[in-house]
């Protein structure tokens, strides 16, 4: 029973941390909601995240693809390691890039459009 309570407390703490945002940053919900806006802004050429989005897309495609660098069936645990590395990298990339995008969006909204007279 003690281990179950510890797991439950750990999962509750993790859920609260994800919802509140780590280190005072945006919450997971705000980050996920920013993804479509980030893709649109990148496609329009307003945001400079093209290469990073392409790498994240490639990583997601690799994880869901049945073709693997190290296949799971014959290699067992080692076959899962490459997927775990990709998922870890992808999660970190999404977190950092959405935070960067949200900061860019906030700076952009404080700029008054117009022309520079000089």
PDB file of N, CA and C in Angstrom:
ATOM      1  N   UNK A   1       0.818  -1.188   0.000  1.00  0.00           N
ATOM      2  CA  UNK A   1       0.000   0.000   0.000  1.00  0.00           C
ATOM      3  C   UNK A   1       0.862   1.252   0.000  1.00  0.00           C
ATOM      4  N   UNK A   2       2.018   1.227   0.633  1.00  0.00           N
ATOM      5  CA  UNK A   2       2.908   2.375   0.690  1.00  0.00           C
ATOM      6  C   UNK A   2       3.412   2.793  -0.683  1.00  0.00           C
ATOM      7  N   UNK A   3       3.760   1.807  -1.507  1.00  0.00           N
ATOM      8  CA  UNK A   3       4.247   2.113  -2.855  1.00  0.00           C
ATOM      9  C   UNK A   3       3.141   2.707  -3.718  1.00  0.00           C
ATOM     10  N   UNK A   4       1.931   2.223  -3.535  1.00  0.00           N
ATOM     11  CA  UNK A   4       0.798   2.747  -4.301  1.00  0.00           C
ATOM     12  C   UNK A   4       0.555   4.204  -3.948  1.00  0.00           C
ATOM     13  N   UNK A   5       0.634   4.529  -2.667  1.00  0.00           N
ATOM     14  CA  UNK A   5       0.455   5.915  -2.239  1.00  0.00           C
ATOM     15  C   UNK A   5       1.577   6.795  -2.779  1.00  0.00           C
ATOM     16  N   UNK A   6       2.805   6.280  -2.781  1.00  0.00           N
ATOM     17  CA  UNK A   6       3.929   7.055  -3.304  1.00  0.00           C
ATOM     18  C   UNK A   6       3.742   7.317  -4.797  1.00  0.00           C
ATOM     19  N   UNK A   7       3.318   6.302  -5.542  1.00  0.00           N
ATOM     20  CA  UNK A   7       3.084   6.477  -6.976  1.00  0.00           C
ATOM     21  C   UNK A   7       1.974   7.483  -7.221  1.00  0.00           C
ATOM     22  N   UNK A   8       0.903   7.363  -6.432  1.00  0.00           N
ATOM     23  CA  UNK A   8      -0.230   8.271  -6.581  1.00  0.00           C
ATOM     24  C   UNK A   8       0.205   9.709  -6.286  1.00  0.00           C
ATOM     25  N   UNK A   9       0.977   9.908  -5.241  1.00  0.00           N
ATOM     26  CA  UNK A   9       1.463  11.245  -4.902  1.00  0.00           C
ATOM     27  C   UNK A   9       2.401  11.772  -5.978  1.00  0.00           C
ATOM     28  N   UNK A  10       3.243  10.905  -6.518  1.00  0.00           N
ATOM     29  CA  UNK A  10       4.162  11.322  -7.576  1.00  0.00           C
ATOM     30  C   UNK A  10       3.406  11.716  -8.836  1.00  0.00           C
ATOM     31  N   UNK A  11       2.396  10.929  -9.216  1.00  0.00           N
ATOM     32  CA  UNK A  11       1.600  11.257 -10.401  1.00  0.00           C
ATOM     33  C   UNK A  11       0.809  12.545 -10.198  1.00  0.00           C
ATOM     34  N   UNK A  12       0.292  12.754  -8.995  1.00  0.00           N
ATOM     35  CA  UNK A  12      -0.439  13.987  -8.700  1.00  0.00           C
ATOM     36  C   UNK A  12       0.490  15.190  -8.792  1.00  0.00           C
ATOM     37  N   UNK A  13       1.686  15.068  -8.241  1.00  0.00           N
ATOM     38  CA  UNK A  13       2.658  16.163  -8.301  1.00  0.00           C
ATOM     39  C   UNK A  13       3.065  16.443  -9.744  1.00  0.00           C
ATOM     40  N   UNK A  14       3.249  15.394 -10.533  1.00  0.00           N
ATOM     41  CA  UNK A  14       3.601  15.570 -11.939  1.00  0.00           C
ATOM     42  C   UNK A  14       2.488  16.286 -12.696  1.00  0.00           C
ATOM     43  N   UNK A  15       1.254  15.876 -12.476  1.00  0.00           N
ATOM     44  CA  UNK A  15       0.111  16.515 -13.140  1.00  0.00           C
ATOM     45  C   UNK A  15       0.009  17.985 -12.762  1.00  0.00           C
ATOM     46  N   UNK A  16       0.202  18.297 -11.494  1.00  0.00           N
ATOM     47  CA  UNK A  16       0.155  19.709 -11.063  1.00  0.00           C
ATOM     48  C   UNK A  16       1.281  20.511 -11.702  1.00  0.00           C
ATOM     49  N   UNK A  17       2.462  19.930 -11.769  1.00  0.00           N
ATOM     50  CA  UNK A  17       3.599  20.630 -12.365  1.00  0.00           C
ATOM     51  C   UNK A  17       3.364  20.889 -13.854  1.00  0.00           C
ATOM     52  N   UNK A  18       2.785  19.911 -14.554  1.00  0.00           N
ATOM     53  CA  UNK A  18       2.507  20.091 -15.977  1.00  0.00           C
ATOM     54  C   UNK A  18       1.446  21.145 -16.210  1.00  0.00           C
ATOM     55  N   UNK A  19       0.446  21.200 -15.371  1.00  0.00           N
ATOM     56  CA  UNK A  19      -0.622  22.174 -15.545  1.00  0.00           C
ATOM     57  C   UNK A  19      -0.173  23.582 -15.150  1.00  0.00           C
ATOM     58  N   UNK A  20       0.648  23.677 -14.135  1.00  0.00           N
ATOM     59  CA  UNK A  20       1.075  24.994 -13.663  1.00  0.00           C
ATOM     60  C   UNK A  20       2.228  25.549 -14.484  1.00  0.00           C
ATOM     61  N   UNK A  21       2.984  24.705 -15.132  1.00  0.00           N
ATOM     62  CA  UNK A  21       4.146  25.165 -15.870  1.00  0.00           C
ATOM     63  C   UNK A  21       5.370  25.117 -14.977  1.00  0.00           C
ATOM     64  N   UNK A  22       6.423  24.553 -15.507  1.00  0.00           N
ATOM     65  CA  UNK A  22       7.654  24.426 -14.728  1.00  0.00           C
ATOM     66  C   UNK A  22       8.388  25.757 -14.691  1.00  0.00           C
ATOM     67  N   UNK A  23       9.032  26.034 -13.618  1.00  0.00           N
ATOM     68  CA  UNK A  23       9.858  27.231 -13.436  1.00  0.00           C
ATOM     69  C   UNK A  23       9.104  28.518 -13.769  1.00  0.00           C
ATOM     70  N   UNK A  24       7.810  28.528 -13.518  1.00  0.00           N
ATOM     71  CA  UNK A  24       7.031  29.716 -13.796  1.00  0.00           C
ATOM     72  C   UNK A  24       6.737  29.925 -15.271  1.00  0.00           C
ATOM     73  N   UNK A  25       7.073  28.960 -16.106  1.00  0.00           N
ATOM     74  CA  UNK A  25       6.826  29.068 -17.541  1.00  0.00           C
ATOM     75  C   UNK A  25       5.383  28.749 -17.861  1.00  0.00           C
ATOM     76  N   UNK A  26       5.062  28.748 -19.153  1.00  0.00           N
ATOM     77  CA  UNK A  26       3.688  28.456 -19.560  1.00  0.00           C
ATOM     78  C   UNK A  26       3.285  27.026 -19.220  1.00  0.00           C
ATOM     79  N   UNK A  27       1.999  26.832 -19.004  1.00  0.00           N
ATOM     80  CA  UNK A  27       1.494  25.496 -18.693  1.00  0.00           C
ATOM     81  C   UNK A  27       1.529  24.626 -19.943  1.00  0.00           C
ATOM     82  N   UNK A  28       1.370  23.343 -19.749  1.00  0.00           N
ATOM     83  CA  UNK A  28       1.361  22.405 -20.866  1.00  0.00           C
ATOM     84  C   UNK A  28       0.208  22.710 -21.818  1.00  0.00           C
ATOM     85  N   UNK A  29      -0.948  23.087 -21.268  1.00  0.00           N
ATOM     86  CA  UNK A  29      -2.095  23.432 -22.091  1.00  0.00           C
ATOM     87  C   UNK A  29      -1.813  24.620 -23.011  1.00  0.00           C
ATOM     88  N   UNK A  30      -1.171  25.656 -22.460  1.00  0.00           N
ATOM     89  CA  UNK A  30      -0.831  26.830 -23.274  1.00  0.00           C
ATOM     90  C   UNK A  30       0.184  26.462 -24.356  1.00  0.00           C
ATOM     91  N   UNK A  31       1.119  25.607 -24.005  1.00  0.00           N
ATOM     92  CA  UNK A  31       2.133  25.181 -24.981  1.00  0.00           C
ATOM     93  C   UNK A  31       1.492  24.400 -26.126  1.00  0.00           C
ATOM     94  N   UNK A  32       0.592  23.457 -25.785  1.00  0.00           N
ATOM     95  CA  UNK A  32      -0.056  22.652 -26.819  1.00  0.00           C
ATOM     96  C   UNK A  32      -0.978  23.505 -27.684  1.00  0.00           C
ATOM     97  N   UNK A  33      -1.644  24.485 -27.077  1.00  0.00           N
ATOM     98  CA  UNK A  33      -2.508  25.383 -27.845  1.00  0.00           C
ATOM     99  C   UNK A  33      -1.691  26.275 -28.777  1.00  0.00           C
ATOM    100  N   UNK A  34      -0.430  26.523 -28.436  1.00  0.00           N
ATOM    101  CA  UNK A  34       0.428  27.382 -29.256  1.00  0.00           C
ATOM    102  C   UNK A  34       0.973  26.652 -30.487  1.00  0.00           C
ATOM    103  N   UNK A  35       0.966  25.324 -30.478  1.00  0.00           N
ATOM    104  CA  UNK A  35       1.535  24.569 -31.601  1.00  0.00           C
ATOM    105  C   UNK A  35       0.909  24.920 -32.954  1.00  0.00           C
ATOM    106  N   UNK A  36      -0.424  24.931 -33.100  1.00  0.00           N
ATOM    107  CA  UNK A  36      -0.981  25.289 -34.414  1.00  0.00           C
ATOM    108  C   UNK A  36      -0.638  26.719 -34.833  1.00  0.00           C
ATOM    109  N   UNK A  37      -0.639  27.644 -33.877  1.00  0.00           N
ATOM    110  CA  UNK A  37      -0.261  29.030 -34.205  1.00  0.00           C
ATOM    111  C   UNK A  37       1.197  29.108 -34.636  1.00  0.00           C
ATOM    112  N   UNK A  38       2.040  28.318 -33.996  1.00  0.00           N
ATOM    113  CA  UNK A  38       3.456  28.305 -34.347  1.00  0.00           C
ATOM    114  C   UNK A  38       3.652  27.773 -35.764  1.00  0.00           C
ATOM    115  N   UNK A  39       2.927  26.722 -36.113  1.00  0.00           N
ATOM    116  CA  UNK A  39       3.032  26.156 -37.461  1.00  0.00           C
ATOM    117  C   UNK A  39       2.557  27.177 -38.492  1.00  0.00           C
ATOM    118  N   UNK A  40       1.418  27.844 -38.205  1.00  0.00           N
ATOM    119  CA  UNK A  40       0.902  28.856 -39.145  1.00  0.00           C
ATOM    120  C   UNK A  40       1.877  30.015 -39.313  1.00  0.00           C
ATOM    121  N   UNK A  41       2.418  30.517 -38.204  1.00  0.00           N
ATOM    122  CA  UNK A  41       3.348  31.646 -38.275  1.00  0.00           C
ATOM    123  C   UNK A  41       4.617  31.251 -39.024  1.00  0.00           C
ATOM    124  N   UNK A  42       5.061  30.024 -38.858  1.00  0.00           N
ATOM    125  CA  UNK A  42       6.245  29.550 -39.580  1.00  0.00           C
ATOM    126  C   UNK A  42       5.935  29.414 -41.064  1.00  0.00           C
ATOM    127  N   UNK A  43       4.768  28.873 -41.395  1.00  0.00           N
ATOM    128  CA  UNK A  43       4.386  28.705 -42.803  1.00  0.00           C
ATOM    129  C   UNK A  43       4.257  30.055 -43.505  1.00  0.00           C
ATOM    130  N   UNK A  44       3.812  31.081 -42.786  1.00  0.00           N
ATOM    131  CA  UNK A  44       3.679  32.427 -43.360  1.00  0.00           C
ATOM    132  C   UNK A  44       5.016  33.159 -43.441  1.00  0.00           C
ATOM    133  N   UNK A  45       6.054  32.595 -42.814  1.00  0.00           N
ATOM    134  CA  UNK A  45       7.362  33.242 -42.823  1.00  0.00           C
ATOM    135  C   UNK A  45       7.523  34.302 -41.754  1.00  0.00           C
ATOM    136  N   UNK A  46       6.600  34.352 -40.808  1.00  0.00           N
ATOM    137  CA  UNK A  46       6.676  35.344 -39.731  1.00  0.00           C
ATOM    138  C   UNK A  46       7.588  34.883 -38.598  1.00  0.00           C
ATOM    139  N   UNK A  47       7.613  33.600 -38.367  1.00  0.00           N
ATOM    140  CA  UNK A  47       8.395  33.020 -37.270  1.00  0.00           C
ATOM    141  C   UNK A  47       9.499  32.164 -37.866  1.00  0.00           C
ATOM    142  N   UNK A  48      10.660  32.183 -37.253  1.00  0.00           N
ATOM    143  CA  UNK A  48      11.835  31.509 -37.815  1.00  0.00           C
ATOM    144  C   UNK A  48      12.015  30.064 -37.340  1.00  0.00           C
ATOM    145  N   UNK A  49      10.939  29.342 -37.100  1.00  0.00           N
ATOM    146  CA  UNK A  49      11.041  27.990 -36.556  1.00  0.00           C
ATOM    147  C   UNK A  49      11.009  26.883 -37.586  1.00  0.00           C
ATOM    148  N   UNK A  50      11.252  27.182 -38.855  1.00  0.00           N
ATOM    149  CA  UNK A  50      11.111  26.189 -39.919  1.00  0.00           C
ATOM    150  C   UNK A  50      11.966  24.950 -39.741  1.00  0.00           C
ATOM    151  N   UNK A  51      13.252  25.122 -39.508  1.00  0.00           N
ATOM    152  CA  UNK A  51      14.151  23.972 -39.362  1.00  0.00           C
ATOM    153  C   UNK A  51      13.796  23.156 -38.124  1.00  0.00           C
ATOM    154  N   UNK A  52      13.524  23.832 -37.032  1.00  0.00           N
ATOM    155  CA  UNK A  52      13.174  23.120 -35.799  1.00  0.00           C
ATOM    156  C   UNK A  52      11.870  22.345 -35.968  1.00  0.00           C
ATOM    157  N   UNK A  53      10.874  22.954 -36.617  1.00  0.00           N
ATOM    158  CA  UNK A  53       9.615  22.231 -36.858  1.00  0.00           C
ATOM    159  C   UNK A  53       9.830  21.032 -37.768  1.00  0.00           C
ATOM    160  N   UNK A  54      10.690  21.187 -38.775  1.00  0.00           N
ATOM    161  CA  UNK A  54      10.980  20.063 -39.677  1.00  0.00           C
ATOM    162  C   UNK A  54      11.650  18.924 -38.909  1.00  0.00           C
ATOM    163  N   UNK A  55      12.581  19.242 -38.025  1.00  0.00           N
ATOM    164  CA  UNK A  55      13.250  18.203 -37.225  1.00  0.00           C
ATOM    165  C   UNK A  55      12.277  17.524 -36.269  1.00  0.00           C
ATOM    166  N   UNK A  56      11.383  18.308 -35.657  1.00  0.00           N
ATOM    167  CA  UNK A  56      10.397  17.716 -34.749  1.00  0.00           C
ATOM    168  C   UNK A  56       9.423  16.822 -35.518  1.00  0.00           C
ATOM    169  N   UNK A  57       9.036  17.236 -36.714  1.00  0.00           N
ATOM    170  CA  UNK A  57       8.148  16.422 -37.542  1.00  0.00           C
ATOM    171  C   UNK A  57       8.834  15.116 -37.938  1.00  0.00           C
ATOM    172  N   UNK A  58      10.105  15.209 -38.310  1.00  0.00           N
ATOM    173  CA  UNK A  58      10.863  14.004 -38.683  1.00  0.00           C
ATOM    174  C   UNK A  58      10.988  13.054 -37.488  1.00  0.00           C
ATOM    175  N   UNK A  59      11.228  13.607 -36.296  1.00  0.00           N
ATOM    176  CA  UNK A  59      11.338  12.765 -35.100  1.00  0.00           C
ATOM    177  C   UNK A  59      10.008  12.084 -34.793  1.00  0.00           C
ATOM    178  N   UNK A  60       8.905  12.812 -34.910  1.00  0.00           N
ATOM    179  CA  UNK A  60       7.584  12.218 -34.661  1.00  0.00           C
ATOM    180  C   UNK A  60       7.291  11.127 -35.690  1.00  0.00           C
ATOM    181  N   UNK A  61       7.640  11.374 -36.942  1.00  0.00           N
ATOM    182  CA  UNK A  61       7.418  10.367 -37.989  1.00  0.00           C
ATOM    183  C   UNK A  61       8.259   9.124 -37.720  1.00  0.00           C
ATOM    184  N   UNK A  62       9.491   9.303 -37.239  1.00  0.00           N
ATOM    185  CA  UNK A  62      10.357   8.158 -36.934  1.00  0.00           C
ATOM    186  C   UNK A  62       9.765   7.319 -35.806  1.00  0.00           C
ATOM    187  N   UNK A  63       9.227   7.999 -34.791  1.00  0.00           N
ATOM    188  CA  UNK A  63       8.682   7.268 -33.644  1.00  0.00           C
ATOM    189  C   UNK A  63       7.464   6.441 -34.045  1.00  0.00           C
ATOM    190  N   UNK A  64       6.593   6.975 -34.883  1.00  0.00           N
ATOM    191  CA  UNK A  64       5.382   6.235 -35.257  1.00  0.00           C
ATOM    192  C   UNK A  64       5.602   5.304 -36.446  1.00  0.00           C
ATOM    193  N   UNK A  65       6.720   5.432 -37.127  1.00  0.00           N
ATOM    194  CA  UNK A  65       7.004   4.608 -38.299  1.00  0.00           C
ATOM    195  C   UNK A  65       7.319   3.166 -37.904  1.00  0.00           C
ATOM    196  N   UNK A  66       6.866   2.217 -38.710  1.00  0.00           N
ATOM    197  CA  UNK A  66       7.207   0.822 -38.421  1.00  0.00           C
ATOM    198  C   UNK A  66       8.662   0.495 -38.784  1.00  0.00           C
ATOM    199  N   UNK A  67       9.306   1.346 -39.560  1.00  0.00           N
ATOM    200  CA  UNK A  67      10.710   1.137 -39.934  1.00  0.00           C
ATOM    201  C   UNK A  67      11.577   1.773 -38.854  1.00  0.00           C
ATOM    202  N   UNK A  68      12.516   1.004 -38.336  1.00  0.00           N
ATOM    203  CA  UNK A  68      13.357   1.463 -37.233  1.00  0.00           C
ATOM    204  C   UNK A  68      14.832   1.245 -37.541  1.00  0.00           C
ATOM    205  N   UNK A  69      15.660   2.109 -36.976  1.00  0.00           N
ATOM    206  CA  UNK A  69      17.102   1.921 -37.060  1.00  0.00           C
ATOM    207  C   UNK A  69      17.494   0.668 -36.270  1.00  0.00           C
ATOM    208  N   UNK A  70      16.907   0.524 -35.092  1.00  0.00           N
ATOM    209  CA  UNK A  70      17.106  -0.667 -34.259  1.00  0.00           C
ATOM    210  C   UNK A  70      15.735  -1.314 -34.031  1.00  0.00           C
ATOM    211  N   UNK A  71      15.391  -2.367 -34.752  1.00  0.00           N
ATOM    212  CA  UNK A  71      14.066  -2.983 -34.628  1.00  0.00           C
ATOM    213  C   UNK A  71      13.829  -3.587 -33.241  1.00  0.00           C
ATOM    214  N   UNK A  72      12.595  -3.445 -32.764  1.00  0.00           N
ATOM    215  CA  UNK A  72      12.241  -3.921 -31.424  1.00  0.00           C
ATOM    216  C   UNK A  72      12.228  -5.443 -31.320  1.00  0.00           C
ATOM    217  N   UNK A  73      11.701  -6.102 -32.332  1.00  0.00           N
ATOM    218  CA  UNK A  73      11.496  -7.543 -32.234  1.00  0.00           C
ATOM    219  C   UNK A  73      12.793  -8.326 -31.999  1.00  0.00           C
ATOM    220  N   UNK A  74      13.807  -8.224 -32.843  1.00  0.00           N
ATOM    221  CA  UNK A  74      14.995  -9.029 -32.586  1.00  0.00           C
ATOM    222  C   UNK A  74      15.900  -8.470 -31.485  1.00  0.00           C
ATOM    223  N   UNK A  75      15.827  -7.173 -31.237  1.00  0.00           N
ATOM    224  CA  UNK A  75      16.758  -6.567 -30.288  1.00  0.00           C
ATOM    225  C   UNK A  75      16.156  -6.269 -28.921  1.00  0.00           C
ATOM    226  N   UNK A  76      14.868  -6.484 -28.765  1.00  0.00           N
ATOM    227  CA  UNK A  76      14.220  -6.300 -27.470  1.00  0.00           C
ATOM    228  C   UNK A  76      14.382  -4.904 -26.908  1.00  0.00           C
ATOM    229  N   UNK A  77      14.958  -4.821 -25.718  1.00  0.00           N
ATOM    230  CA  UNK A  77      15.114  -3.554 -25.002  1.00  0.00           C
ATOM    231  C   UNK A  77      15.954  -2.554 -25.790  1.00  0.00           C
ATOM    232  N   UNK A  78      16.994  -3.034 -26.468  1.00  0.00           N
ATOM    233  CA  UNK A  78      17.831  -2.130 -27.263  1.00  0.00           C
ATOM    234  C   UNK A  78      17.043  -1.524 -28.427  1.00  0.00           C
ATOM    235  N   UNK A  79      16.089  -2.275 -28.929  1.00  0.00           N
ATOM    236  CA  UNK A  79      15.256  -1.779 -30.015  1.00  0.00           C
ATOM    237  C   UNK A  79      14.331  -0.653 -29.577  1.00  0.00           C
ATOM    238  N   UNK A  80      13.970  -0.650 -28.306  1.00  0.00           N
ATOM    239  CA  UNK A  80      13.125   0.418 -27.769  1.00  0.00           C
ATOM    240  C   UNK A  80      13.938   1.653 -27.408  1.00  0.00           C
ATOM    241  N   UNK A  81      15.235   1.495 -27.233  1.00  0.00           N
ATOM    242  CA  UNK A  81      16.081   2.604 -26.790  1.00  0.00           C
ATOM    243  C   UNK A  81      16.099   3.748 -27.800  1.00  0.00           C
ATOM    244  N   UNK A  82      16.179   3.447 -29.088  1.00  0.00           N
ATOM    245  CA  UNK A  82      16.223   4.533 -30.067  1.00  0.00           C
ATOM    246  C   UNK A  82      14.909   5.311 -30.079  1.00  0.00           C
ATOM    247  N   UNK A  83      13.792   4.607 -29.903  1.00  0.00           N
ATOM    248  CA  UNK A  83      12.503   5.301 -29.820  1.00  0.00           C
ATOM    249  C   UNK A  83      12.434   6.160 -28.560  1.00  0.00           C
ATOM    250  N   UNK A  84      12.936   5.642 -27.440  1.00  0.00           N
ATOM    251  CA  UNK A  84      12.924   6.405 -26.193  1.00  0.00           C
ATOM    252  C   UNK A  84      13.768   7.672 -26.310  1.00  0.00           C
ATOM    253  N   UNK A  85      14.913   7.564 -26.970  1.00  0.00           N
ATOM    254  CA  UNK A  85      15.763   8.741 -27.170  1.00  0.00           C
ATOM    255  C   UNK A  85      15.037   9.766 -28.030  1.00  0.00           C
ATOM    256  N   UNK A  86      14.387   9.314 -29.093  1.00  0.00           N
ATOM    257  CA  UNK A  86      13.647  10.228 -29.978  1.00  0.00           C
ATOM    258  C   UNK A  86      12.489  10.895 -29.243  1.00  0.00           C
ATOM    259  N   UNK A  87      11.739  10.131 -28.461  1.00  0.00           N
ATOM    260  CA  UNK A  87      10.607  10.699 -27.727  1.00  0.00           C
ATOM    261  C   UNK A  87      11.102  11.729 -26.713  1.00  0.00           C
ATOM    262  N   UNK A  88      12.193  11.426 -26.038  1.00  0.00           N
ATOM    263  CA  UNK A  88      12.757  12.355 -25.068  1.00  0.00           C
ATOM    264  C   UNK A  88      13.208  13.642 -25.746  1.00  0.00           C
ATOM    265  N   UNK A  89      13.927  13.504 -26.856  1.00  0.00           N
ATOM    266  CA  UNK A  89      14.376  14.684 -27.597  1.00  0.00           C
ATOM    267  C   UNK A  89      13.184  15.488 -28.107  1.00  0.00           C
ATOM    268  N   UNK A  90      12.183  14.803 -28.630  1.00  0.00           N
ATOM    269  CA  UNK A  90      11.002  15.462 -29.173  1.00  0.00           C
ATOM    270  C   UNK A  90      10.259  16.231 -28.085  1.00  0.00           C
ATOM    271  N   UNK A  91      10.069  15.624 -26.937  1.00  0.00           N
ATOM    272  CA  UNK A  91       9.373  16.303 -25.835  1.00  0.00           C
ATOM    273  C   UNK A  91      10.131  17.546 -25.402  1.00  0.00           C
ATOM    274  N   UNK A  92      11.443  17.427 -25.243  1.00  0.00           N
ATOM    275  CA  UNK A  92      12.247  18.596 -24.869  1.00  0.00           C
ATOM    276  C   UNK A  92      12.211  19.680 -25.928  1.00  0.00           C
ATOM    277  N   UNK A  93      12.246  19.287 -27.180  1.00  0.00           N
ATOM    278  CA  UNK A  93      12.206  20.262 -28.281  1.00  0.00           C
ATOM    279  C   UNK A  93      10.874  20.983 -28.337  1.00  0.00           C
ATOM    280  N   UNK A  94       9.790  20.236 -28.163  1.00  0.00           N
ATOM    281  CA  UNK A  94       8.467  20.869 -28.185  1.00  0.00           C
ATOM    282  C   UNK A  94       8.330  21.846 -27.023  1.00  0.00           C
ATOM    283  N   UNK A  95       8.797  21.443 -25.848  1.00  0.00           N
ATOM    284  CA  UNK A  95       8.714  22.332 -24.692  1.00  0.00           C
ATOM    285  C   UNK A  95       9.532  23.612 -24.900  1.00  0.00           C
ATOM    286  N   UNK A  96      10.752  23.468 -25.359  1.00  0.00           N
ATOM    287  CA  UNK A  96      11.589  24.659 -25.520  1.00  0.00           C
ATOM    288  C   UNK A  96      11.123  25.533 -26.677  1.00  0.00           C
ATOM    289  N   UNK A  97      10.698  24.928 -27.771  1.00  0.00           N
ATOM    290  CA  UNK A  97      10.277  25.715 -28.932  1.00  0.00           C
ATOM    291  C   UNK A  97       8.948  26.422 -28.686  1.00  0.00           C
ATOM    292  N   UNK A  98       8.020  25.775 -27.991  1.00  0.00           N
ATOM    293  CA  UNK A  98       6.759  26.459 -27.697  1.00  0.00           C
ATOM    294  C   UNK A  98       6.988  27.605 -26.714  1.00  0.00           C
ATOM    295  N   UNK A  99       7.901  27.426 -25.777  1.00  0.00           N
ATOM    296  CA  UNK A  99       8.218  28.530 -24.862  1.00  0.00           C
ATOM    297  C   UNK A  99       8.831  29.695 -25.638  1.00  0.00           C
ATOM    298  N   UNK A 100       9.735  29.393 -26.539  1.00  0.00           N
ATOM    299  CA  UNK A 100      10.360  30.418 -27.377  1.00  0.00           C
ATOM    300  C   UNK A 100       9.310  31.124 -28.238  1.00  0.00           C
ATOM    301  N   UNK A 101       8.375  30.343 -28.807  1.00  0.00           N
ATOM    302  CA  UNK A 101       7.325  30.919 -29.635  1.00  0.00           C
ATOM    303  C   UNK A 101       6.413  31.821 -28.821  1.00  0.00           C
ATOM    304  N   UNK A 102       6.013  31.387 -27.631  1.00  0.00           N
ATOM    305  CA  UNK A 102       5.134  32.196 -26.795  1.00  0.00           C
ATOM    306  C   UNK A 102       5.814  33.508 -26.390  1.00  0.00           C
ATOM    307  N   UNK A 103       7.113  33.463 -26.134  1.00  0.00           N
ATOM    308  CA  UNK A 103       7.856  34.701 -25.838  1.00  0.00           C
ATOM    309  C   UNK A 103       7.880  35.607 -27.064  1.00  0.00           C
ATOM    310  N   UNK A 104       8.098  35.024 -28.244  1.00  0.00           N
ATOM    311  CA  UNK A 104       8.096  35.781 -29.498  1.00  0.00           C
ATOM    312  C   UNK A 104       6.735  36.427 -29.718  1.00  0.00           C
ATOM    313  N   UNK A 105       5.671  35.661 -29.473  1.00  0.00           N
ATOM    314  CA  UNK A 105       4.316  36.170 -29.642  1.00  0.00           C
ATOM    315  C   UNK A 105       4.041  37.344 -28.700  1.00  0.00           C
ATOM    316  N   UNK A 106       4.504  37.235 -27.463  1.00  0.00           N
ATOM    317  CA  UNK A 106       4.293  38.311 -26.491  1.00  0.00           C
ATOM    318  C   UNK A 106       5.049  39.571 -26.906  1.00  0.00           C
ATOM    319  N   UNK A 107       6.296  39.410 -27.364  1.00  0.00           N
ATOM    320  CA  UNK A 107       7.074  40.578 -27.826  1.00  0.00           C
ATOM    321  C   UNK A 107       6.413  41.197 -29.047  1.00  0.00           C
ATOM    322  N   UNK A 108       5.935  40.357 -29.934  1.00  0.00           N
ATOM    323  CA  UNK A 108       5.335  40.820 -31.181  1.00  0.00           C
ATOM    324  C   UNK A 108       4.060  41.613 -30.929  1.00  0.00           C
ATOM    325  N   UNK A 109       3.277  41.205 -29.935  1.00  0.00           N
ATOM    326  CA  UNK A 109       2.023  41.905 -29.650  1.00  0.00           C
ATOM    327  C   UNK A 109       2.262  43.274 -29.025  1.00  0.00           C
ATOM    328  N   UNK A 110       3.452  43.502 -28.495  1.00  0.00           N
ATOM    329  CA  UNK A 110       3.731  44.812 -27.884  1.00  0.00           C
ATOM    330  C   UNK A 110       4.325  45.791 -28.899  1.00  0.00           C
ATOM    331  N   UNK A 111       4.563  45.358 -30.123  1.00  0.00           N
ATOM    332  CA  UNK A 111       5.121  46.227 -31.155  1.00  0.00           C
ATOM    333  C   UNK A 111       3.969  46.874 -31.926  1.00  0.00           C
ATOM    334  N   UNK A 112       4.075  48.193 -32.108  1.00  0.00           N
ATOM    335  CA  UNK A 112       3.069  48.916 -32.876  1.00  0.00           C
ATOM    336  C   UNK A 112       3.488  48.913 -34.338  1.00  0.00           C
ATOM    337  N   UNK A 113       2.639  48.372 -35.235  1.00  0.00           N
ATOM    338  CA  UNK A 113       3.023  48.359 -36.649  1.00  0.00           C
ATOM    339  C   UNK A 113       3.052  49.765 -37.236  1.00  0.00           C
ATOM    340  N   UNK A 114       3.933  49.961 -38.130  1.00  0.00           N
ATOM    341  CA  UNK A 114       4.063  51.252 -38.787  1.00  0.00           C
ATOM    342  C   UNK A 114       5.335  51.307 -39.580  1.00  0.00           C
ATOM    343  N   UNK A 115       5.726  52.495 -39.937  1.00  0.00           N
ATOM    344  CA  UNK A 115       6.952  52.682 -40.702  1.00  0.00           C
ATOM    345  C   UNK A 115       7.930  53.508 -39.888  1.00  0.00           C
ATOM    346  N   UNK A 116       9.195  53.211 -40.109  1.00  0.00           N
ATOM    347  CA  UNK A 116      10.252  53.958 -39.452  1.00  0.00           C
ATOM    348  C   UNK A 116      10.518  55.205 -40.293  1.00  0.00           C
ATOM    349  N   UNK A 117      10.485  56.348 -39.655  1.00  0.00           N
ATOM    350  CA  UNK A 117      10.773  57.600 -40.359  1.00  0.00           C
ATOM    351  C   UNK A 117      12.167  58.026 -39.945  1.00  0.00           C
ATOM    352  N   UNK A 118      12.996  58.224 -40.913  1.00  0.00           N
ATOM    353  CA  UNK A 118      14.359  58.541 -40.520  1.00  0.00           C
ATOM    354  C   UNK A 118      15.056  59.354 -41.457  1.00  0.00           C
TER     355      UNK A 118
END
